[in-house]
């Protein structure tokens, strides 16, 4: 997901949102990505100012969203490429 978000943030004159999954489903259909590891990965989107909105999709739980929110708090918005 990262290379696509990065390219969009460089070229699109719009704010970008990302809603990653909590990993891929395992053989039992469950998601193994922990809130802490997912938040670390999402933090790169925020540190590089690739996104303005971040959330979660398949497999994310309230704990995942809470971890992402803690990392997103007080981050600067992305810059628009106009």
Protein backbone atom coordinates (compact mmCIF):
# COMPACT_ATOMS: atom_id res chain seq x y z
CA UNK A 1 0.00 0.00 0.00
CA UNK A 2 2.81 2.41 0.85
CA UNK A 3 4.19 2.96 -2.68
CA UNK A 4 0.71 3.79 -3.98
CA UNK A 5 -0.08 6.19 -1.15
CA UNK A 6 3.32 7.83 -1.59
CA UNK A 7 2.79 8.35 -5.33
CA UNK A 8 -0.74 9.64 -4.84
CA UNK A 9 0.45 12.14 -2.25
CA UNK A 10 3.08 13.45 -4.67
CA UNK A 11 0.77 13.79 -7.68
CA UNK A 12 -2.83 14.24 -6.56
CA UNK A 13 -4.08 17.74 -5.80
CA UNK A 14 -6.38 16.24 -3.15
CA UNK A 15 -6.12 15.09 0.41
CA UNK A 16 -5.48 11.35 0.69
CA UNK A 17 -7.00 8.86 3.10
CA UNK A 18 -5.74 5.37 3.92
CA UNK A 19 -7.66 2.56 5.58
CA UNK A 20 -5.34 -0.47 5.73
CA UNK A 21 -6.28 -3.96 6.83
CA UNK A 22 -4.84 -5.51 9.97
CA UNK A 23 -2.69 -7.75 7.77
CA UNK A 24 -3.95 -10.52 5.53
CA UNK A 25 -6.36 -13.14 6.81
CA UNK A 26 -4.72 -16.32 8.07
CA UNK A 27 -5.96 -19.85 7.36
CA UNK A 28 -8.70 -19.37 9.97
CA UNK A 29 -9.87 -16.10 8.43
CA UNK A 30 -8.51 -14.05 11.32
CA UNK A 31 -6.11 -11.11 11.16
CA UNK A 32 -2.80 -11.41 13.00
CA UNK A 33 -1.56 -7.81 12.87
CA UNK A 34 -1.47 -6.35 16.37
CA UNK A 35 -2.58 -2.79 17.08
CA UNK A 36 1.00 -1.86 17.97
CA UNK A 37 2.61 -3.18 14.78
CA UNK A 38 -0.12 -1.73 12.60
CA UNK A 39 0.26 1.68 14.25
CA UNK A 40 4.01 1.62 13.60
CA UNK A 41 3.41 0.93 9.93
CA UNK A 42 0.74 3.62 9.65
CA UNK A 43 3.03 6.09 11.42
CA UNK A 44 5.23 6.14 8.31
CA UNK A 45 2.28 7.48 6.28
CA UNK A 46 1.88 10.23 8.85
CA UNK A 47 5.57 11.03 9.35
CA UNK A 48 6.00 11.49 5.60
CA UNK A 49 2.76 13.45 5.39
CA UNK A 50 1.30 11.11 2.76
CA UNK A 51 -2.22 11.16 4.22
CA UNK A 52 -4.68 13.42 5.99
CA UNK A 53 -7.15 10.76 7.06
CA UNK A 54 -6.21 7.34 8.35
CA UNK A 55 -8.39 4.56 9.63
CA UNK A 56 -8.75 0.83 9.37
CA UNK A 57 -10.47 -1.78 7.27
CA UNK A 58 -10.68 -5.56 7.51
CA UNK A 59 -9.48 -7.02 10.78
CA UNK A 60 -9.09 -3.74 12.62
CA UNK A 61 -10.58 -3.54 16.06
CA UNK A 62 -11.25 -0.61 18.38
CA UNK A 63 -7.78 -1.30 19.83
CA UNK A 64 -6.20 -0.90 16.37
CA UNK A 65 -8.00 2.39 15.81
CA UNK A 66 -7.02 3.63 19.27
CA UNK A 67 -3.33 2.86 18.59
CA UNK A 68 -3.51 4.64 15.23
CA UNK A 69 -5.27 7.64 16.82
CA UNK A 70 -2.54 7.96 19.44
CA UNK A 71 0.12 8.08 16.73
CA UNK A 72 -1.93 10.46 14.56
CA UNK A 73 -2.53 12.92 17.36
CA UNK A 74 -0.60 16.17 16.86
CA UNK A 75 0.71 15.18 13.41
CA UNK A 76 0.82 17.73 10.64
CA UNK A 77 -1.44 17.36 7.62
CA UNK A 78 -0.05 16.43 4.24
CA UNK A 79 0.78 19.17 1.78
CA UNK A 80 -1.31 19.47 -1.35
CA UNK A 81 0.51 19.19 -4.68
CA UNK A 82 -1.13 21.87 -6.77
